[in-house]
Full PDB file with SEQRES, HELIX, SHEET, SSBOND, CRYST1, ORIGX, SCALE, CONECT and MASTER records, all heavy atoms in Angstrom:
SEQRES   1 A   34  SER VAL TYR TYR ALA ALA THR GLU PHE GLU ALA ARG LEU          
SEQRES   2 A   34  CYS GLN ARG ASP PRO VAL THR VAL VAL GLY GLY GLY ASN          
SEQRES   3 A   34  SER ALA GLY GLN ALA ALA CYS PHE                              
HELIX    1 AA1 GLU A    8  CYS A   14  1                                   7    
HELIX    2 AA2 ASN A   26  CYS A   33  1                                   8    
CRYST1    1.000    1.000    1.000  90.00  90.00  90.00 P 1           1          
ORIGX1      1.000000  0.000000  0.000000        0.00000                         
ORIGX2      0.000000  1.000000  0.000000        0.00000                         
ORIGX3      0.000000  0.000000  1.000000        0.00000                         
SCALE1      1.000000  0.000000  0.000000        0.00000                         
SCALE2      0.000000  1.000000  0.000000        0.00000                         
SCALE3      0.000000  0.000000  1.000000        0.00000                         
ATOM      1  N   SER A   1       3.571   4.632 -10.783  1.00  0.00           N  
ATOM      2  CA  SER A   1       3.648   4.851  -9.341  1.00  0.00           C  
ATOM      3  C   SER A   1       2.330   4.791  -8.595  1.00  0.00           C  
ATOM      4  O   SER A   1       2.307   5.002  -7.381  1.00  0.00           O  
ATOM      5  CB  SER A   1       4.294   6.228  -9.075  1.00  0.00           C  
ATOM      6  OG  SER A   1       5.507   6.390  -9.774  1.00  0.00           O  
ATOM      7  N   VAL A   2       1.221   4.536  -9.270  1.00  0.00           N  
ATOM      8  CA  VAL A   2      -0.086   4.519  -8.608  1.00  0.00           C  
ATOM      9  C   VAL A   2      -0.663   3.109  -8.670  1.00  0.00           C  
ATOM     10  O   VAL A   2      -0.683   2.487  -9.737  1.00  0.00           O  
ATOM     11  CB  VAL A   2      -1.058   5.525  -9.255  1.00  0.00           C  
ATOM     12  CG1 VAL A   2      -2.414   5.488  -8.553  1.00  0.00           C  
ATOM     13  CG2 VAL A   2      -0.478   6.938  -9.200  1.00  0.00           C  
ATOM     14  N   TYR A   3      -1.134   2.628  -7.526  1.00  0.00           N  
ATOM     15  CA  TYR A   3      -1.635   1.258  -7.433  1.00  0.00           C  
ATOM     16  C   TYR A   3      -3.036   1.245  -6.817  1.00  0.00           C  
ATOM     17  O   TYR A   3      -3.406   2.146  -6.061  1.00  0.00           O  
ATOM     18  CB  TYR A   3      -0.694   0.403  -6.575  1.00  0.00           C  
ATOM     19  CG  TYR A   3       0.744   0.426  -7.035  1.00  0.00           C  
ATOM     20  CD1 TYR A   3       1.667   1.296  -6.450  1.00  0.00           C  
ATOM     21  CD2 TYR A   3       1.180  -0.408  -8.060  1.00  0.00           C  
ATOM     22  CE1 TYR A   3       2.991   1.324  -6.884  1.00  0.00           C  
ATOM     23  CE2 TYR A   3       2.493  -0.383  -8.495  1.00  0.00           C  
ATOM     24  CZ  TYR A   3       3.407   0.486  -7.903  1.00  0.00           C  
ATOM     25  OH  TYR A   3       4.699   0.517  -8.328  1.00  0.00           O  
ATOM     26  N   TYR A   4      -3.783   0.213  -7.157  1.00  0.00           N  
ATOM     27  CA  TYR A   4      -5.135   0.068  -6.626  1.00  0.00           C  
ATOM     28  C   TYR A   4      -5.259  -1.212  -5.795  1.00  0.00           C  
ATOM     29  O   TYR A   4      -6.350  -1.698  -5.544  1.00  0.00           O  
ATOM     30  CB  TYR A   4      -6.146   0.082  -7.773  1.00  0.00           C  
ATOM     31  CG  TYR A   4      -6.138   1.412  -8.499  1.00  0.00           C  
ATOM     32  CD1 TYR A   4      -5.281   1.630  -9.584  1.00  0.00           C  
ATOM     33  CD2 TYR A   4      -6.943   2.457  -8.063  1.00  0.00           C  
ATOM     34  CE1 TYR A   4      -5.238   2.864 -10.222  1.00  0.00           C  
ATOM     35  CE2 TYR A   4      -6.913   3.692  -8.697  1.00  0.00           C  
ATOM     36  CZ  TYR A   4      -6.053   3.885  -9.774  1.00  0.00           C  
ATOM     37  OH  TYR A   4      -6.006   5.115 -10.393  1.00  0.00           O  
ATOM     38  N   ALA A   5      -4.116  -1.741  -5.396  1.00  0.00           N  
ATOM     39  CA  ALA A   5      -4.047  -2.913  -4.529  1.00  0.00           C  
ATOM     40  C   ALA A   5      -2.685  -2.916  -3.863  1.00  0.00           C  
ATOM     41  O   ALA A   5      -1.729  -2.352  -4.399  1.00  0.00           O  
ATOM     42  CB  ALA A   5      -4.250  -4.196  -5.330  1.00  0.00           C  
ATOM     43  N   ALA A   6      -2.609  -3.549  -2.704  1.00  0.00           N  
ATOM     44  CA  ALA A   6      -1.334  -3.638  -1.987  1.00  0.00           C  
ATOM     45  C   ALA A   6      -1.031  -5.105  -1.722  1.00  0.00           C  
ATOM     46  O   ALA A   6      -1.416  -5.667  -0.705  1.00  0.00           O  
ATOM     47  CB  ALA A   6      -1.394  -2.855  -0.674  1.00  0.00           C  
ATOM     48  N   THR A   7      -0.347  -5.736  -2.668  1.00  0.00           N  
ATOM     49  CA  THR A   7       0.030  -7.135  -2.539  1.00  0.00           C  
ATOM     50  C   THR A   7       1.532  -7.224  -2.269  1.00  0.00           C  
ATOM     51  O   THR A   7       2.232  -6.218  -2.204  1.00  0.00           O  
ATOM     52  CB  THR A   7      -0.318  -7.915  -3.814  1.00  0.00           C  
ATOM     53  OG1 THR A   7       0.519  -7.450  -4.886  1.00  0.00           O  
ATOM     54  CG2 THR A   7      -1.779  -7.709  -4.198  1.00  0.00           C  
ATOM     55  N   GLU A   8       2.033  -8.425  -2.135  1.00  0.00           N  
ATOM     56  CA  GLU A   8       3.455  -8.629  -1.886  1.00  0.00           C  
ATOM     57  C   GLU A   8       4.301  -8.028  -3.006  1.00  0.00           C  
ATOM     58  O   GLU A   8       5.394  -7.493  -2.759  1.00  0.00           O  
ATOM     59  CB  GLU A   8       3.737 -10.132  -1.759  1.00  0.00           C  
ATOM     60  CG  GLU A   8       5.177 -10.472  -1.428  1.00  0.00           C  
ATOM     61  CD  GLU A   8       5.600  -9.990  -0.048  1.00  0.00           C  
ATOM     62  OE1 GLU A   8       4.727  -9.876   0.841  1.00  0.00           O  
ATOM     63  OE2 GLU A   8       6.806  -9.706   0.139  1.00  0.00           O  
ATOM     64  N   PHE A   9       3.791  -8.087  -4.217  1.00  0.00           N  
ATOM     65  CA  PHE A   9       4.533  -7.548  -5.358  1.00  0.00           C  
ATOM     66  C   PHE A   9       4.763  -6.051  -5.201  1.00  0.00           C  
ATOM     67  O   PHE A   9       5.888  -5.559  -5.345  1.00  0.00           O  
ATOM     68  CB  PHE A   9       3.768  -7.828  -6.654  1.00  0.00           C  
ATOM     69  CG  PHE A   9       4.391  -7.212  -7.871  1.00  0.00           C  
ATOM     70  CD1 PHE A   9       5.527  -7.741  -8.444  1.00  0.00           C  
ATOM     71  CD2 PHE A   9       3.823  -6.074  -8.443  1.00  0.00           C  
ATOM     72  CE1 PHE A   9       6.101  -7.162  -9.570  1.00  0.00           C  
ATOM     73  CE2 PHE A   9       4.395  -5.489  -9.560  1.00  0.00           C  
ATOM     74  CZ  PHE A   9       5.532  -6.041 -10.116  1.00  0.00           C  
ATOM     75  N   GLU A  10       3.694  -5.303  -4.894  1.00  0.00           N  
ATOM     76  CA  GLU A  10       3.830  -3.864  -4.729  1.00  0.00           C  
ATOM     77  C   GLU A  10       4.688  -3.528  -3.509  1.00  0.00           C  
ATOM     78  O   GLU A  10       5.465  -2.574  -3.526  1.00  0.00           O  
ATOM     79  CB  GLU A  10       2.462  -3.195  -4.602  1.00  0.00           C  
ATOM     80  CG  GLU A  10       1.645  -3.154  -5.877  1.00  0.00           C  
ATOM     81  CD  GLU A  10       0.875  -4.435  -6.135  1.00  0.00           C  
ATOM     82  OE1 GLU A  10       0.749  -5.241  -5.182  1.00  0.00           O  
ATOM     83  OE2 GLU A  10       0.422  -4.636  -7.256  1.00  0.00           O  
ATOM     84  N   ALA A  11       4.531  -4.311  -2.452  1.00  0.00           N  
ATOM     85  CA  ALA A  11       5.306  -4.047  -1.240  1.00  0.00           C  
ATOM     86  C   ALA A  11       6.802  -4.169  -1.502  1.00  0.00           C  
ATOM     87  O   ALA A  11       7.603  -3.373  -0.992  1.00  0.00           O  
ATOM     88  CB  ALA A  11       4.879  -5.005  -0.129  1.00  0.00           C  
ATOM     89  N   ARG A  12       7.200  -5.128  -2.302  1.00  0.00           N  
ATOM     90  CA  ARG A  12       8.620  -5.297  -2.618  1.00  0.00           C  
ATOM     91  C   ARG A  12       9.147  -4.127  -3.431  1.00  0.00           C  
ATOM     92  O   ARG A  12      10.292  -3.701  -3.261  1.00  0.00           O  
ATOM     93  CB  ARG A  12       8.834  -6.608  -3.376  1.00  0.00           C  
ATOM     94  CG  ARG A  12       8.656  -7.855  -2.514  1.00  0.00           C  
ATOM     95  CD  ARG A  12       8.820  -9.111  -3.355  1.00  0.00           C  
ATOM     96  NE  ARG A  12       8.650 -10.309  -2.543  1.00  0.00           N  
ATOM     97  CZ  ARG A  12       8.643 -11.534  -3.025  1.00  0.00           C  
ATOM     98  NH1 ARG A  12       8.796 -11.733  -4.338  1.00  0.00           N  
ATOM     99  NH2 ARG A  12       8.475 -12.579  -2.223  1.00  0.00           N  
ATOM    100  N   LEU A  13       8.308  -3.605  -4.317  1.00  0.00           N  
ATOM    101  CA  LEU A  13       8.724  -2.472  -5.125  1.00  0.00           C  
ATOM    102  C   LEU A  13       8.945  -1.218  -4.281  1.00  0.00           C  
ATOM    103  O   LEU A  13       9.758  -0.357  -4.626  1.00  0.00           O  
ATOM    104  CB  LEU A  13       7.668  -2.176  -6.205  1.00  0.00           C  
ATOM    105  CG  LEU A  13       7.488  -3.208  -7.318  1.00  0.00           C  
ATOM    106  CD1 LEU A  13       6.359  -2.784  -8.234  1.00  0.00           C  
ATOM    107  CD2 LEU A  13       8.780  -3.386  -8.110  1.00  0.00           C  
ATOM    108  N   CYS A  14       8.212  -1.129  -3.173  1.00  0.00           N  
ATOM    109  CA  CYS A  14       8.219   0.098  -2.378  1.00  0.00           C  
ATOM    110  C   CYS A  14       9.018  -0.015  -1.083  1.00  0.00           C  
ATOM    111  O   CYS A  14       8.981   0.907  -0.262  1.00  0.00           O  
ATOM    112  CB  CYS A  14       6.783   0.493  -2.038  1.00  0.00           C  
ATOM    113  SG  CYS A  14       5.715   0.708  -3.467  1.00  0.00           S  
ATOM    114  N   GLN A  15       9.684  -1.126  -0.856  1.00  0.00           N  
ATOM    115  CA  GLN A  15      10.368  -1.296   0.420  1.00  0.00           C  
ATOM    116  C   GLN A  15      11.463  -0.246   0.618  1.00  0.00           C  
ATOM    117  O   GLN A  15      12.125   0.164  -0.318  1.00  0.00           O  
ATOM    118  CB  GLN A  15      10.956  -2.692   0.530  1.00  0.00           C  
ATOM    119  CG  GLN A  15      11.991  -3.070  -0.499  1.00  0.00           C  
ATOM    120  CD  GLN A  15      12.440  -4.512  -0.329  1.00  0.00           C  
ATOM    121  OE1 GLN A  15      12.078  -5.165   0.627  1.00  0.00           O  
ATOM    122  NE2 GLN A  15      13.237  -4.998  -1.276  1.00  0.00           N  
ATOM    123  N   ARG A  16      11.555   0.223   1.867  1.00  0.00           N  
ATOM    124  CA  ARG A  16      12.522   1.237   2.303  1.00  0.00           C  
ATOM    125  C   ARG A  16      12.231   2.626   1.738  1.00  0.00           C  
ATOM    126  O   ARG A  16      13.052   3.531   1.843  1.00  0.00           O  
ATOM    127  CB  ARG A  16      13.955   0.808   1.972  1.00  0.00           C  
ATOM    128  CG  ARG A  16      14.402  -0.435   2.735  1.00  0.00           C  
ATOM    129  CD  ARG A  16      15.878  -0.696   2.528  1.00  0.00           C  
ATOM    130  NE  ARG A  16      16.197  -1.025   1.149  1.00  0.00           N  
ATOM    131  CZ  ARG A  16      16.076  -2.259   0.642  1.00  0.00           C  
ATOM    132  NH1 ARG A  16      15.671  -3.259   1.407  1.00  0.00           N  
ATOM    133  NH2 ARG A  16      16.395  -2.499  -0.613  1.00  0.00           N  
ATOM    134  N   ASP A  17      11.052   2.804   1.125  1.00  0.00           N  
ATOM    135  CA  ASP A  17      10.668   4.118   0.602  1.00  0.00           C  
ATOM    136  C   ASP A  17       9.345   4.567   1.234  1.00  0.00           C  
ATOM    137  O   ASP A  17       8.500   3.728   1.573  1.00  0.00           O  
ATOM    138  CB  ASP A  17      10.490   4.069  -0.921  1.00  0.00           C  
ATOM    139  CG  ASP A  17      11.802   3.817  -1.651  1.00  0.00           C  
ATOM    140  OD1 ASP A  17      12.817   4.369  -1.202  1.00  0.00           O  
ATOM    141  OD2 ASP A  17      11.787   3.070  -2.643  1.00  0.00           O  
ATOM    142  N   PRO A  18       9.131   5.868   1.384  1.00  0.00           N  
ATOM    143  CA  PRO A  18       7.847   6.352   1.908  1.00  0.00           C  
ATOM    144  C   PRO A  18       6.734   6.164   0.884  1.00  0.00           C  
ATOM    145  O   PRO A  18       6.951   6.335  -0.326  1.00  0.00           O  
ATOM    146  CB  PRO A  18       8.116   7.829   2.176  1.00  0.00           C  
ATOM    147  CG  PRO A  18       9.207   8.191   1.209  1.00  0.00           C  
ATOM    148  CD  PRO A  18      10.073   6.966   1.104  1.00  0.00           C  
ATOM    149  N   VAL A  19       5.557   5.807   1.343  1.00  0.00           N  
ATOM    150  CA  VAL A  19       4.419   5.590   0.448  1.00  0.00           C  
ATOM    151  C   VAL A  19       3.196   6.305   1.023  1.00  0.00           C  
ATOM    152  O   VAL A  19       3.169   6.688   2.194  1.00  0.00           O  
ATOM    153  CB  VAL A  19       4.114   4.086   0.260  1.00  0.00           C  
ATOM    154  CG1 VAL A  19       5.311   3.364  -0.321  1.00  0.00           C  
ATOM    155  CG2 VAL A  19       3.689   3.446   1.574  1.00  0.00           C  
ATOM    156  N   THR A  20       2.178   6.463   0.183  1.00  0.00           N  
ATOM    157  CA  THR A  20       0.937   7.116   0.591  1.00  0.00           C  
ATOM    158  C   THR A  20      -0.236   6.212   0.262  1.00  0.00           C  
ATOM    159  O   THR A  20      -0.317   5.663  -0.843  1.00  0.00           O  
ATOM    160  CB  THR A  20       0.768   8.469  -0.127  1.00  0.00           C  
ATOM    161  OG1 THR A  20       1.818   9.346   0.279  1.00  0.00           O  
ATOM    162  CG2 THR A  20      -0.575   9.101   0.226  1.00  0.00           C  
ATOM    163  N   VAL A  21      -1.128   6.047   1.230  1.00  0.00           N  
ATOM    164  CA  VAL A  21      -2.359   5.281   1.041  1.00  0.00           C  
ATOM    165  C   VAL A  21      -3.533   6.242   1.175  1.00  0.00           C  
ATOM    166  O   VAL A  21      -3.625   6.984   2.167  1.00  0.00           O  
ATOM    167  CB  VAL A  21      -2.484   4.146   2.076  1.00  0.00           C  
ATOM    168  CG1 VAL A  21      -3.817   3.406   1.903  1.00  0.00           C  
ATOM    169  CG2 VAL A  21      -1.315   3.176   1.953  1.00  0.00           C  
ATOM    170  N   VAL A  22      -4.426   6.239   0.197  1.00  0.00           N  
ATOM    171  CA  VAL A  22      -5.586   7.115   0.210  1.00  0.00           C  
ATOM    172  C   VAL A  22      -6.837   6.286   0.444  1.00  0.00           C  
ATOM    173  O   VAL A  22      -7.129   5.362  -0.316  1.00  0.00           O  
ATOM    174  CB  VAL A  22      -5.712   7.892  -1.119  1.00  0.00           C  
ATOM    175  CG1 VAL A  22      -6.891   8.855  -1.056  1.00  0.00           C  
ATOM    176  CG2 VAL A  22      -4.422   8.641  -1.424  1.00  0.00           C  
ATOM    177  N   GLY A  23      -7.578   6.586   1.507  1.00  0.00           N  
ATOM    178  CA  GLY A  23      -8.806   5.863   1.801  1.00  0.00           C  
ATOM    179  C   GLY A  23      -8.969   5.607   3.286  1.00  0.00           C  
ATOM    180  O   GLY A  23      -7.977   5.532   4.022  1.00  0.00           O  
ATOM    181  N   GLY A  24     -10.209   5.458   3.728  1.00  0.00           N  
ATOM    182  CA  GLY A  24     -10.464   5.259   5.146  1.00  0.00           C  
ATOM    183  C   GLY A  24     -11.198   3.985   5.477  1.00  0.00           C  
ATOM    184  O   GLY A  24     -11.630   3.785   6.613  1.00  0.00           O  
ATOM    185  N   GLY A  25     -11.342   3.075   4.509  1.00  0.00           N  
ATOM    186  CA  GLY A  25     -12.032   1.819   4.754  1.00  0.00           C  
ATOM    187  C   GLY A  25     -11.081   0.701   5.147  1.00  0.00           C  
ATOM    188  O   GLY A  25      -9.877   0.910   5.333  1.00  0.00           O  
ATOM    189  N   ASN A  26     -11.622  -0.513   5.259  1.00  0.00           N  
ATOM    190  CA  ASN A  26     -10.804  -1.659   5.662  1.00  0.00           C  
ATOM    191  C   ASN A  26      -9.679  -1.955   4.680  1.00  0.00           C  
ATOM    192  O   ASN A  26      -8.576  -2.310   5.083  1.00  0.00           O  
ATOM    193  CB  ASN A  26     -11.693  -2.895   5.824  1.00  0.00           C  
ATOM    194  CG  ASN A  26     -12.325  -2.966   7.199  1.00  0.00           C  
ATOM    195  OD1 ASN A  26     -12.237  -2.026   7.981  1.00  0.00           O  
ATOM    196  ND2 ASN A  26     -12.964  -4.070   7.499  1.00  0.00           N  
ATOM    197  N   SER A  27      -9.948  -1.807   3.395  1.00  0.00           N  
ATOM    198  CA  SER A  27      -8.910  -2.091   2.400  1.00  0.00           C  
ATOM    199  C   SER A  27      -7.722  -1.162   2.585  1.00  0.00           C  
ATOM    200  O   SER A  27      -6.567  -1.585   2.502  1.00  0.00           O  
ATOM    201  CB  SER A  27      -9.468  -1.951   0.984  1.00  0.00           C  
ATOM    202  OG  SER A  27     -10.460  -2.921   0.729  1.00  0.00           O  
ATOM    203  N   ALA A  28      -8.000   0.111   2.860  1.00  0.00           N  
ATOM    204  CA  ALA A  28      -6.924   1.075   3.072  1.00  0.00           C  
ATOM    205  C   ALA A  28      -6.170   0.765   4.356  1.00  0.00           C  
ATOM    206  O   ALA A  28      -4.939   0.848   4.406  1.00  0.00           O  
ATOM    207  CB  ALA A  28      -7.492   2.492   3.115  1.00  0.00           C  
ATOM    208  N   GLY A  29      -6.897   0.410   5.409  1.00  0.00           N  
ATOM    209  CA  GLY A  29      -6.242   0.078   6.672  1.00  0.00           C  
ATOM    210  C   GLY A  29      -5.361  -1.154   6.558  1.00  0.00           C  
ATOM    211  O   GLY A  29      -4.239  -1.181   7.082  1.00  0.00           O  
ATOM    212  N   GLN A  30      -5.854  -2.182   5.868  1.00  0.00           N  
ATOM    213  CA  GLN A  30      -5.066  -3.390   5.667  1.00  0.00           C  
ATOM    214  C   GLN A  30      -3.821  -3.084   4.853  1.00  0.00           C  
ATOM    215  O   GLN A  30      -2.724  -3.577   5.145  1.00  0.00           O  
ATOM    216  CB  GLN A  30      -5.920  -4.449   4.963  1.00  0.00           C  
ATOM    217  CG  GLN A  30      -7.030  -5.018   5.827  1.00  0.00           C  
ATOM    218  CD  GLN A  30      -8.040  -5.810   5.021  1.00  0.00           C  
ATOM    219  OE1 GLN A  30      -8.004  -5.822   3.793  1.00  0.00           O  
ATOM    220  NE2 GLN A  30      -8.957  -6.449   5.714  1.00  0.00           N  
ATOM    221  N   ALA A  31      -3.978  -2.257   3.821  1.00  0.00           N  
ATOM    222  CA  ALA A  31      -2.832  -1.902   2.985  1.00  0.00           C  
ATOM    223  C   ALA A  31      -1.794  -1.128   3.787  1.00  0.00           C  
ATOM    224  O   ALA A  31      -0.594  -1.377   3.669  1.00  0.00           O  
ATOM    225  CB  ALA A  31      -3.308  -1.079   1.791  1.00  0.00           C  
ATOM    226  N   ALA A  32      -2.237  -0.186   4.612  1.00  0.00           N  
ATOM    227  CA  ALA A  32      -1.308   0.618   5.401  1.00  0.00           C  
ATOM    228  C   ALA A  32      -0.505  -0.256   6.355  1.00  0.00           C  
ATOM    229  O   ALA A  32       0.728  -0.118   6.469  1.00  0.00           O  
ATOM    230  CB  ALA A  32      -2.071   1.691   6.169  1.00  0.00           C  
ATOM    231  N   CYS A  33      -1.174  -1.168   7.039  1.00  0.00           N  
ATOM    232  CA  CYS A  33      -0.482  -2.054   7.977  1.00  0.00           C  
ATOM    233  C   CYS A  33       0.494  -2.972   7.246  1.00  0.00           C  
ATOM    234  O   CYS A  33       1.610  -3.225   7.720  1.00  0.00           O  
ATOM    235  CB  CYS A  33      -1.497  -2.872   8.772  1.00  0.00           C  
ATOM    236  SG  CYS A  33      -2.460  -1.920   9.961  1.00  0.00           S  
ATOM    237  N   PHE A  34       0.080  -3.470   6.110  1.00  0.00           N  
ATOM    238  CA  PHE A  34       0.927  -4.379   5.340  1.00  0.00           C  
ATOM    239  C   PHE A  34       2.165  -3.658   4.819  1.00  0.00           C  
ATOM    240  O   PHE A  34       3.293  -4.157   4.930  1.00  0.00           O  
ATOM    241  CB  PHE A  34       0.121  -4.960   4.184  1.00  0.00           C  
ATOM    242  CG  PHE A  34       0.892  -5.901   3.311  1.00  0.00           C  
ATOM    243  CD1 PHE A  34       1.337  -7.125   3.788  1.00  0.00           C  
ATOM    244  CD2 PHE A  34       1.180  -5.567   2.001  1.00  0.00           C  
ATOM    245  CE1 PHE A  34       2.053  -7.991   2.981  1.00  0.00           C  
ATOM    246  CE2 PHE A  34       1.885  -6.421   1.183  1.00  0.00           C  
ATOM    247  CZ  PHE A  34       2.327  -7.641   1.675  1.00  0.00           C  
TER     248      PHE A  34                                                      
MASTER        0    0    0    2    0    0    0    6  247    1    0    3          
END                                                                             
């Protein structure tokens, strides 16, 4: 359940479920929006 990247693969696994992103840099912001 823990990932260090947010790609299309992870997004499909998590669709329609709540998720948590930890971090305040650009990578975290891009992942949250995606």
